[in-house]
Amino acid sequence: MSKVKILVVEDEMVIADNICLILEDLGYEVLEPAINYEEALETIEAERPDMAILDIQLGGKKDGVDLAWTIKEQYDFPFIFLTSNADAGTIERVKKLSPPAYLVKPFKKDDLYTSVEIALHNYAESKGSKKSIDEDLLIKDAIFVKEKNLFHKIKLENIRYLKSDHVYIEVYTTDGQKHLIRGSLTDFSERLPKNFYRTHRSFTINVDHMDAINSAYVMIDGEQIPIGKNYRDDLLKKIRVE
C-alpha cells in the first residue's frame, strides 16, 4: 500500500515549500513543486500524481484555472484550488470547473488535511462512484483505504485476490500484505475492472496474477483459490478455457 501522491503548483516557493512540509507531516507523498503550467504538465506526465493543489494565480500565460481544465480533460484526477484573492471573472471561470475542494490563504494544517479529504470524496461522487466500503474509496485504478485518519492507495494491478470475511474484505497484494476493509465482496466486485473475476462466493481474483487453473481451483503464487460450482462455467468461458 502506497501513500497518496500530491503535486503542489505554486509560484511562490516559500508558500509551496510550506505546503509540501505540511503534507509530508500529514503522511502524504509529495512531489517536487511546480511553479507554472508547463512545469506542472511535465511533472504530471512523469509522476502521475493522485491529486494536485493548484494556486489560481501563476506566473506565465496560463494560470491555475487553465491547468485545472487540462487536468480535468486529459488526466482526470482531483485537484484543490489554492487562492487568497480573485476577481469576479476568475471566480466565474473556477465555478465552471466544479472543483472538488478549495483552500483559502492563509490556512492551517487542519484546513489542508480537510481539503485533501474532501477533494477525494467529492471527486469520487462527481464520477458517480459511491463510497464503496465505509470510508474507503474506489477511484479509477486504485482503492484509497483510510487507515489512522489518512487515505492510502492500493493500486488495483497490485491486488492478487480478495476474500470475503463476514462484514469485511481481505485484500491480498503482490507485496505479500493483507489489508482489511469493511464491505460486501459482491458489491465491491461489481465495481472492479474486467480482469477481476468472481471464482467463489468468498473469492474474487485478479486474473493477471493467475498461474494455473483446473475445474476445482485457481493457482496464484502457490495458493489455491477455490472455484465454486455456481461460478465455474462462467469463469472458464470468460478466460476461454474449454
C-alpha atoms as a PDB file:
ATOM      1  CA  MET A   1       0.000   0.000   0.000  1.00  0.00           C
ATOM      2  CA  SER A   2       1.407   3.368  -1.014  1.00  0.00           C
ATOM      3  CA  LYS A   3       0.735   6.938   0.046  1.00  0.00           C
ATOM      4  CA  VAL A   4      -1.486   9.361  -1.828  1.00  0.00           C
ATOM      5  CA  LYS A   5       0.833  11.259  -4.200  1.00  0.00           C
ATOM      6  CA  ILE A   6       0.256  15.025  -4.329  1.00  0.00           C
ATOM      7  CA  LEU A   7       1.620  17.718  -6.641  1.00  0.00           C
ATOM      8  CA  VAL A   8       1.746  21.337  -5.432  1.00  0.00           C
ATOM      9  CA  VAL A   9       1.642  24.025  -8.144  1.00  0.00           C
ATOM     10  CA  GLU A  10       2.542  27.395  -6.612  1.00  0.00           C
ATOM     11  CA  ASP A  11       4.841  30.113  -7.958  1.00  0.00           C
ATOM     12  CA  GLU A  12       5.769  31.474  -4.523  1.00  0.00           C
ATOM     13  CA  MET A  13       8.362  28.954  -3.397  1.00  0.00           C
ATOM     14  CA  VAL A  14       8.145  29.819   0.301  1.00  0.00           C
ATOM     15  CA  ILE A  15       4.432  29.001   0.252  1.00  0.00           C
ATOM     16  CA  ALA A  16       4.993  25.918  -1.906  1.00  0.00           C
ATOM     17  CA  ASP A  17       7.665  24.559   0.426  1.00  0.00           C
ATOM     18  CA  ASN A  18       5.445  25.213   3.443  1.00  0.00           C
ATOM     19  CA  ILE A  19       2.556  23.306   1.873  1.00  0.00           C
ATOM     20  CA  CYS A  20       4.862  20.417   0.973  1.00  0.00           C
ATOM     21  CA  LEU A  21       6.245  20.217   4.519  1.00  0.00           C
ATOM     22  CA  ILE A  22       2.745  20.139   5.990  1.00  0.00           C
ATOM     23  CA  LEU A  23       1.629  17.445   3.537  1.00  0.00           C
ATOM     24  CA  GLU A  24       4.670  15.327   4.350  1.00  0.00           C
ATOM     25  CA  ASP A  25       3.995  15.772   8.050  1.00  0.00           C
ATOM     26  CA  LEU A  26       0.416  14.598   7.468  1.00  0.00           C
ATOM     27  CA  GLY A  27       1.783  11.458   5.840  1.00  0.00           C
ATOM     28  CA  TYR A  28       1.293  12.095   2.125  1.00  0.00           C
ATOM     29  CA  GLU A  29       3.859  11.546  -0.623  1.00  0.00           C
ATOM     30  CA  VAL A  30       4.778  14.971  -2.012  1.00  0.00           C
ATOM     31  CA  LEU A  31       6.311  15.639  -5.404  1.00  0.00           C
ATOM     32  CA  GLU A  32       8.747  18.438  -6.201  1.00  0.00           C
ATOM     33  CA  PRO A  33       6.540  21.544  -6.510  1.00  0.00           C
ATOM     34  CA  ALA A  34       5.937  23.153  -9.906  1.00  0.00           C
ATOM     35  CA  ILE A  35       5.896  26.923 -10.366  1.00  0.00           C
ATOM     36  CA  ASN A  36       3.950  27.231 -13.613  1.00  0.00           C
ATOM     37  CA  TYR A  37       1.696  25.497 -16.124  1.00  0.00           C
ATOM     38  CA  GLU A  38       4.495  23.979 -18.195  1.00  0.00           C
ATOM     39  CA  GLU A  39       6.434  22.572 -15.223  1.00  0.00           C
ATOM     40  CA  ALA A  40       3.238  21.135 -13.798  1.00  0.00           C
ATOM     41  CA  LEU A  41       2.443  19.255 -17.011  1.00  0.00           C
ATOM     42  CA  GLU A  42       5.961  17.824 -17.160  1.00  0.00           C
ATOM     43  CA  THR A  43       5.617  16.519 -13.601  1.00  0.00           C
ATOM     44  CA  ILE A  44       2.137  15.132 -14.246  1.00  0.00           C
ATOM     45  CA  GLU A  45       3.396  13.233 -17.281  1.00  0.00           C
ATOM     46  CA  ALA A  46       6.403  11.859 -15.410  1.00  0.00           C
ATOM     47  CA  GLU A  47       4.950  11.149 -11.967  1.00  0.00           C
ATOM     48  CA  ARG A  48       1.181  10.633 -12.430  1.00  0.00           C
ATOM     49  CA  PRO A  49       0.038  12.217  -9.147  1.00  0.00           C
ATOM     50  CA  ASP A  50      -3.208  11.232  -7.426  1.00  0.00           C
ATOM     51  CA  MET A  51      -4.094  14.842  -6.645  1.00  0.00           C
ATOM     52  CA  ALA A  52      -2.879  18.389  -7.251  1.00  0.00           C
ATOM     53  CA  ILE A  53      -3.057  21.599  -5.230  1.00  0.00           C
ATOM     54  CA  LEU A  54      -3.233  24.496  -7.696  1.00  0.00           C
ATOM     55  CA  ASP A  55      -2.657  28.153  -6.991  1.00  0.00           C
ATOM     56  CA  ILE A  56      -5.056  30.099  -9.213  1.00  0.00           C
ATOM     57  CA  GLN A  57      -2.583  32.911  -9.847  1.00  0.00           C
ATOM     58  CA  LEU A  58       0.503  31.547 -11.603  1.00  0.00           C
ATOM     59  CA  GLY A  59       3.261  33.281 -13.499  1.00  0.00           C
ATOM     60  CA  GLY A  60       3.107  32.842 -17.271  1.00  0.00           C
ATOM     61  CA  LYS A  61       0.417  32.959 -19.941  1.00  0.00           C
ATOM     62  CA  LYS A  62      -1.636  30.149 -18.406  1.00  0.00           C
ATOM     63  CA  ASP A  63      -2.838  30.143 -14.802  1.00  0.00           C
ATOM     64  CA  GLY A  64      -4.142  27.546 -12.359  1.00  0.00           C
ATOM     65  CA  VAL A  65      -7.590  27.545 -13.937  1.00  0.00           C
ATOM     66  CA  ASP A  66      -6.101  26.678 -17.329  1.00  0.00           C
ATOM     67  CA  LEU A  67      -4.117  23.899 -15.681  1.00  0.00           C
ATOM     68  CA  ALA A  68      -7.236  22.592 -13.947  1.00  0.00           C
ATOM     69  CA  TRP A  69      -9.048  22.320 -17.293  1.00  0.00           C
ATOM     70  CA  THR A  70      -6.114  20.387 -18.752  1.00  0.00           C
ATOM     71  CA  ILE A  71      -6.083  18.024 -15.755  1.00  0.00           C
ATOM     72  CA  LYS A  72      -9.825  17.507 -15.972  1.00  0.00           C
ATOM     73  CA  GLU A  73      -9.912  16.886 -19.732  1.00  0.00           C
ATOM     74  CA  GLN A  74      -6.667  14.954 -20.257  1.00  0.00           C
ATOM     75  CA  TYR A  75      -5.588  13.366 -16.968  1.00  0.00           C
ATOM     76  CA  ASP A  76      -8.740  13.114 -14.853  1.00  0.00           C
ATOM     77  CA  PHE A  77      -7.629  13.288 -11.226  1.00  0.00           C
ATOM     78  CA  PRO A  78      -8.823  15.513  -8.345  1.00  0.00           C
ATOM     79  CA  PHE A  79      -7.406  18.958  -7.629  1.00  0.00           C
ATOM     80  CA  ILE A  80      -7.747  21.669  -4.996  1.00  0.00           C
ATOM     81  CA  PHE A  81      -7.674  25.369  -5.791  1.00  0.00           C
ATOM     82  CA  LEU A  82      -5.440  27.492  -3.596  1.00  0.00           C
ATOM     83  CA  THR A  83      -6.316  31.194  -3.540  1.00  0.00           C
ATOM     84  CA  SER A  84      -6.300  34.362  -1.455  1.00  0.00           C
ATOM     85  CA  ASN A  85      -7.995  36.960  -3.609  1.00  0.00           C
ATOM     86  CA  ALA A  86      -9.599  36.518  -7.001  1.00  0.00           C
ATOM     87  CA  ASP A  87     -11.601  38.857  -9.189  1.00  0.00           C
ATOM     88  CA  ALA A  88     -15.170  38.130 -10.253  1.00  0.00           C
ATOM     89  CA  GLY A  89     -14.103  36.953 -13.707  1.00  0.00           C
ATOM     90  CA  THR A  90     -11.674  34.399 -12.270  1.00  0.00           C
ATOM     91  CA  ILE A  91     -14.280  33.133  -9.819  1.00  0.00           C
ATOM     92  CA  GLU A  92     -16.690  32.565 -12.701  1.00  0.00           C
ATOM     93  CA  ARG A  93     -14.020  30.565 -14.534  1.00  0.00           C
ATOM     94  CA  VAL A  94     -13.374  28.499 -11.421  1.00  0.00           C
ATOM     95  CA  LYS A  95     -17.074  27.771 -10.830  1.00  0.00           C
ATOM     96  CA  LYS A  96     -17.397  26.177 -14.270  1.00  0.00           C
ATOM     97  CA  LEU A  97     -14.876  23.534 -13.218  1.00  0.00           C
ATOM     98  CA  SER A  98     -16.864  22.434 -10.140  1.00  0.00           C
ATOM     99  CA  PRO A  99     -13.626  21.882  -8.191  1.00  0.00           C
ATOM    100  CA  PRO A 100     -13.686  19.100  -5.577  1.00  0.00           C
ATOM    101  CA  ALA A 101     -12.365  21.467  -2.869  1.00  0.00           C
ATOM    102  CA  TYR A 102     -10.932  24.926  -2.151  1.00  0.00           C
ATOM    103  CA  LEU A 103      -8.128  26.039   0.133  1.00  0.00           C
ATOM    104  CA  VAL A 104      -8.051  29.711   1.094  1.00  0.00           C
ATOM    105  CA  LYS A 105      -4.852  31.505   2.138  1.00  0.00           C
ATOM    106  CA  PRO A 106      -3.844  31.798   4.910  1.00  0.00           C
ATOM    107  CA  PHE A 107      -4.637  28.261   6.010  1.00  0.00           C
ATOM    108  CA  LYS A 108      -3.876  25.922   8.896  1.00  0.00           C
ATOM    109  CA  LYS A 109      -2.652  22.341   8.885  1.00  0.00           C
ATOM    110  CA  ASP A 110      -6.145  21.055   9.648  1.00  0.00           C
ATOM    111  CA  ASP A 111      -7.538  23.075   6.727  1.00  0.00           C
ATOM    112  CA  LEU A 112      -5.105  21.405   4.335  1.00  0.00           C
ATOM    113  CA  TYR A 113      -5.886  17.931   5.647  1.00  0.00           C
ATOM    114  CA  THR A 114      -9.630  18.571   5.400  1.00  0.00           C
ATOM    115  CA  SER A 115      -9.325  19.886   1.846  1.00  0.00           C
ATOM    116  CA  VAL A 116      -7.471  16.779   0.696  1.00  0.00           C
ATOM    117  CA  GLU A 117     -10.077  14.520   2.308  1.00  0.00           C
ATOM    118  CA  ILE A 118     -12.973  16.468   0.807  1.00  0.00           C
ATOM    119  CA  ALA A 119     -11.349  16.530  -2.622  1.00  0.00           C
ATOM    120  CA  LEU A 120     -11.074  12.733  -2.716  1.00  0.00           C
ATOM    121  CA  HIS A 121     -14.675  12.241  -1.624  1.00  0.00           C
ATOM    122  CA  ASN A 122     -16.121  14.902  -3.908  1.00  0.00           C
ATOM    123  CA  TYR A 123     -14.120  13.667  -6.870  1.00  0.00           C
ATOM    124  CA  ALA A 124     -15.434  10.141  -6.371  1.00  0.00           C
ATOM    125  CA  GLU A 125     -19.007  11.425  -6.148  1.00  0.00           C
ATOM    126  CA  SER A 126     -18.594  13.576  -9.267  1.00  0.00           C
ATOM    127  CA  LYS A 127     -17.649  10.443 -11.179  1.00  0.00           C
ATOM    128  CA  GLY A 128     -20.742   8.635  -9.965  1.00  0.00           C
ATOM    129  CA  SER A 129     -18.609   6.484  -7.700  1.00  0.00           C
ATOM    130  CA  LYS A 130     -20.378   5.979  -4.396  1.00  0.00           C
ATOM    131  CA  LYS A 131     -18.437   5.220  -1.272  1.00  0.00           C
ATOM    132  CA  SER A 132     -17.678   1.612  -1.915  1.00  0.00           C
ATOM    133  CA  ILE A 133     -16.675   0.473   1.534  1.00  0.00           C
ATOM    134  CA  ASP A 134     -17.350   2.677   4.518  1.00  0.00           C
ATOM    135  CA  GLU A 135     -14.601   5.311   4.422  1.00  0.00           C
ATOM    136  CA  ASP A 136     -12.661   3.668   1.600  1.00  0.00           C
ATOM    137  CA  LEU A 137     -12.975   4.872  -1.994  1.00  0.00           C
ATOM    138  CA  LEU A 138     -12.579   3.103  -5.309  1.00  0.00           C
ATOM    139  CA  ILE A 139     -11.272   5.711  -7.749  1.00  0.00           C
ATOM    140  CA  LYS A 140     -10.032   4.842 -11.223  1.00  0.00           C
ATOM    141  CA  ASP A 141      -7.142   2.394 -10.879  1.00  0.00           C
ATOM    142  CA  ALA A 142      -6.841   2.223  -7.085  1.00  0.00           C
ATOM    143  CA  ILE A 143      -8.578   1.745  -3.770  1.00  0.00           C
ATOM    144  CA  PHE A 144      -7.998   4.599  -1.355  1.00  0.00           C
ATOM    145  CA  VAL A 145      -8.134   2.964   2.057  1.00  0.00           C
ATOM    146  CA  LYS A 146      -8.474   5.030   5.196  1.00  0.00           C
ATOM    147  CA  GLU A 147      -6.151   3.955   7.993  1.00  0.00           C
ATOM    148  CA  LYS A 148      -5.442   6.092  11.046  1.00  0.00           C
ATOM    149  CA  ASN A 149      -7.395   9.032   9.560  1.00  0.00           C
ATOM    150  CA  LEU A 150      -5.307   9.116   6.382  1.00  0.00           C
ATOM    151  CA  PHE A 151      -6.001   7.735   2.913  1.00  0.00           C
ATOM    152  CA  HIS A 152      -3.518   5.243   1.498  1.00  0.00           C
ATOM    153  CA  LYS A 153      -3.542   3.843  -2.017  1.00  0.00           C
ATOM    154  CA  ILE A 154      -3.682   0.220  -3.156  1.00  0.00           C
ATOM    155  CA  LYS A 155      -3.295   0.006  -6.931  1.00  0.00           C
ATOM    156  CA  LEU A 156      -5.741  -2.470  -8.440  1.00  0.00           C
ATOM    157  CA  GLU A 157      -2.980  -4.019 -10.558  1.00  0.00           C
ATOM    158  CA  ASN A 158      -1.191  -4.998  -7.323  1.00  0.00           C
ATOM    159  CA  ILE A 159      -4.169  -6.915  -5.918  1.00  0.00           C
ATOM    160  CA  ARG A 160      -3.837 -10.687  -6.344  1.00  0.00           C
ATOM    161  CA  TYR A 161      -7.220 -11.628  -4.918  1.00  0.00           C
ATOM    162  CA  LEU A 162      -9.911 -10.607  -2.449  1.00  0.00           C
ATOM    163  CA  LYS A 163     -11.576 -12.795   0.157  1.00  0.00           C
ATOM    164  CA  SER A 164     -14.835 -12.215   1.992  1.00  0.00           C
ATOM    165  CA  ASP A 165     -14.613 -12.380   5.776  1.00  0.00           C
ATOM    166  CA  HIS A 166     -18.081 -11.730   7.192  1.00  0.00           C
ATOM    167  CA  VAL A 167     -18.581  -7.939   7.025  1.00  0.00           C
ATOM    168  CA  TYR A 168     -15.005  -7.369   5.856  1.00  0.00           C
ATOM    169  CA  ILE A 169     -12.982  -7.939   2.689  1.00  0.00           C
ATOM    170  CA  GLU A 170      -9.419  -9.215   2.904  1.00  0.00           C
ATOM    171  CA  VAL A 171      -7.278  -7.706   0.132  1.00  0.00           C
ATOM    172  CA  TYR A 172      -4.137  -9.702  -0.723  1.00  0.00           C
ATOM    173  CA  THR A 173      -1.456  -7.799  -2.645  1.00  0.00           C
ATOM    174  CA  THR A 174       1.684  -8.620  -4.602  1.00  0.00           C
ATOM    175  CA  ASP A 175       3.956  -7.474  -1.771  1.00  0.00           C
ATOM    176  CA  GLY A 176       2.583 -10.240   0.454  1.00  0.00           C
ATOM    177  CA  GLN A 177       0.462  -7.904   2.540  1.00  0.00           C
ATOM    178  CA  LYS A 178      -3.152  -8.365   3.642  1.00  0.00           C
ATOM    179  CA  HIS A 179      -5.367  -5.305   4.054  1.00  0.00           C
ATOM    180  CA  LEU A 180      -8.740  -5.412   5.772  1.00  0.00           C
ATOM    181  CA  ILE A 181     -11.575  -3.223   4.550  1.00  0.00           C
ATOM    182  CA  ARG A 182     -15.211  -3.193   5.554  1.00  0.00           C
ATOM    183  CA  GLY A 183     -17.837  -4.034   2.944  1.00  0.00           C
ATOM    184  CA  SER A 184     -19.577  -6.608   0.761  1.00  0.00           C
ATOM    185  CA  LEU A 185     -17.474  -8.624  -1.682  1.00  0.00           C
ATOM    186  CA  THR A 186     -20.461  -8.863  -4.027  1.00  0.00           C
ATOM    187  CA  ASP A 187     -20.984  -5.103  -4.186  1.00  0.00           C
ATOM    188  CA  PHE A 188     -17.284  -4.358  -4.427  1.00  0.00           C
ATOM    189  CA  SER A 189     -16.557  -6.975  -7.102  1.00  0.00           C
ATOM    190  CA  GLU A 190     -19.184  -5.420  -9.385  1.00  0.00           C
ATOM    191  CA  ARG A 191     -17.171  -2.206  -9.412  1.00  0.00           C
ATOM    192  CA  LEU A 192     -13.824  -3.755 -10.337  1.00  0.00           C
ATOM    193  CA  PRO A 193     -12.319  -3.882 -13.871  1.00  0.00           C
ATOM    194  CA  LYS A 194     -12.884  -6.797 -16.235  1.00  0.00           C
ATOM    195  CA  ASN A 195      -9.667  -8.559 -15.237  1.00  0.00           C
ATOM    196  CA  PHE A 196     -11.203  -9.314 -11.817  1.00  0.00           C
ATOM    197  CA  TYR A 197     -13.325 -12.472 -11.818  1.00  0.00           C
ATOM    198  CA  ARG A 198     -15.510 -13.969  -9.112  1.00  0.00           C
ATOM    199  CA  THR A 199     -14.484 -17.602  -8.561  1.00  0.00           C
ATOM    200  CA  HIS A 200     -16.444 -18.361  -5.427  1.00  0.00           C
ATOM    201  CA  ARG A 201     -18.937 -16.669  -3.122  1.00  0.00           C
ATOM    202  CA  SER A 202     -15.975 -15.813  -0.905  1.00  0.00           C
ATOM    203  CA  PHE A 203     -13.281 -15.060  -3.512  1.00  0.00           C
ATOM    204  CA  THR A 204     -12.585 -12.651  -6.388  1.00  0.00           C
ATOM    205  CA  ILE A 205      -9.295 -12.959  -8.279  1.00  0.00           C
ATOM    206  CA  ASN A 206      -7.188 -10.716 -10.480  1.00  0.00           C
ATOM    207  CA  VAL A 207      -6.725 -12.983 -13.499  1.00  0.00           C
ATOM    208  CA  ASP A 208      -3.490 -11.165 -14.413  1.00  0.00           C
ATOM    209  CA  HIS A 209      -1.864 -12.929 -11.445  1.00  0.00           C
ATOM    210  CA  MET A 210      -3.307 -16.376 -12.209  1.00  0.00           C
ATOM    211  CA  ASP A 211      -0.666 -19.079 -12.717  1.00  0.00           C
ATOM    212  CA  ALA A 212      -2.865 -22.115 -13.393  1.00  0.00           C
ATOM    213  CA  ILE A 213      -6.464 -23.286 -13.315  1.00  0.00           C
ATOM    214  CA  ASN A 214      -8.462 -26.509 -13.240  1.00  0.00           C
ATOM    215  CA  SER A 215     -12.112 -27.252 -12.567  1.00  0.00           C
ATOM    216  CA  ALA A 216     -11.673 -27.027  -8.794  1.00  0.00           C
ATOM    217  CA  TYR A 217      -9.320 -24.129  -8.121  1.00  0.00           C
ATOM    218  CA  VAL A 218      -7.093 -21.346  -9.446  1.00  0.00           C
ATOM    219  CA  MET A 219      -3.395 -21.140  -8.559  1.00  0.00           C
ATOM    220  CA  ILE A 220      -1.990 -17.700  -7.653  1.00  0.00           C
ATOM    221  CA  ASP A 221       1.570 -17.549  -6.321  1.00  0.00           C
ATOM    222  CA  GLY A 222       1.323 -21.077  -4.984  1.00  0.00           C
ATOM    223  CA  GLU A 223      -2.058 -20.523  -3.305  1.00  0.00           C
ATOM    224  CA  GLN A 224      -5.195 -22.446  -4.252  1.00  0.00           C
ATOM    225  CA  ILE A 225      -8.259 -20.228  -4.700  1.00  0.00           C
ATOM    226  CA  PRO A 226     -11.414 -22.372  -4.872  1.00  0.00           C
ATOM    227  CA  ILE A 227     -13.846 -22.269  -7.771  1.00  0.00           C
ATOM    228  CA  GLY A 228     -17.488 -22.609  -6.736  1.00  0.00           C
ATOM    229  CA  LYS A 229     -19.814 -24.651  -8.932  1.00  0.00           C
ATOM    230  CA  ASN A 230     -22.074 -21.644  -9.471  1.00  0.00           C
ATOM    231  CA  TYR A 231     -19.137 -19.662 -10.905  1.00  0.00           C
ATOM    232  CA  ARG A 232     -17.200 -22.388 -12.775  1.00  0.00           C
ATOM    233  CA  ASP A 233     -18.824 -22.277 -16.209  1.00  0.00           C
ATOM    234  CA  ASP A 234     -18.890 -18.520 -16.417  1.00  0.00           C
ATOM    235  CA  LEU A 235     -15.298 -18.223 -15.224  1.00  0.00           C
ATOM    236  CA  LEU A 236     -13.959 -20.790 -17.698  1.00  0.00           C
ATOM    237  CA  LYS A 237     -15.892 -19.136 -20.505  1.00  0.00           C
ATOM    238  CA  LYS A 238     -14.521 -15.699 -19.661  1.00  0.00           C
ATOM    239  CA  ILE A 239     -10.913 -16.842 -19.707  1.00  0.00           C
ATOM    240  CA  ARG A 240     -11.579 -19.047 -22.769  1.00  0.00           C
ATOM    241  CA  VAL A 241     -10.765 -22.360 -21.176  1.00  0.00           C
ATOM    242  CA  GLU A 242     -12.568 -25.211 -22.944  1.00  0.00           C
END
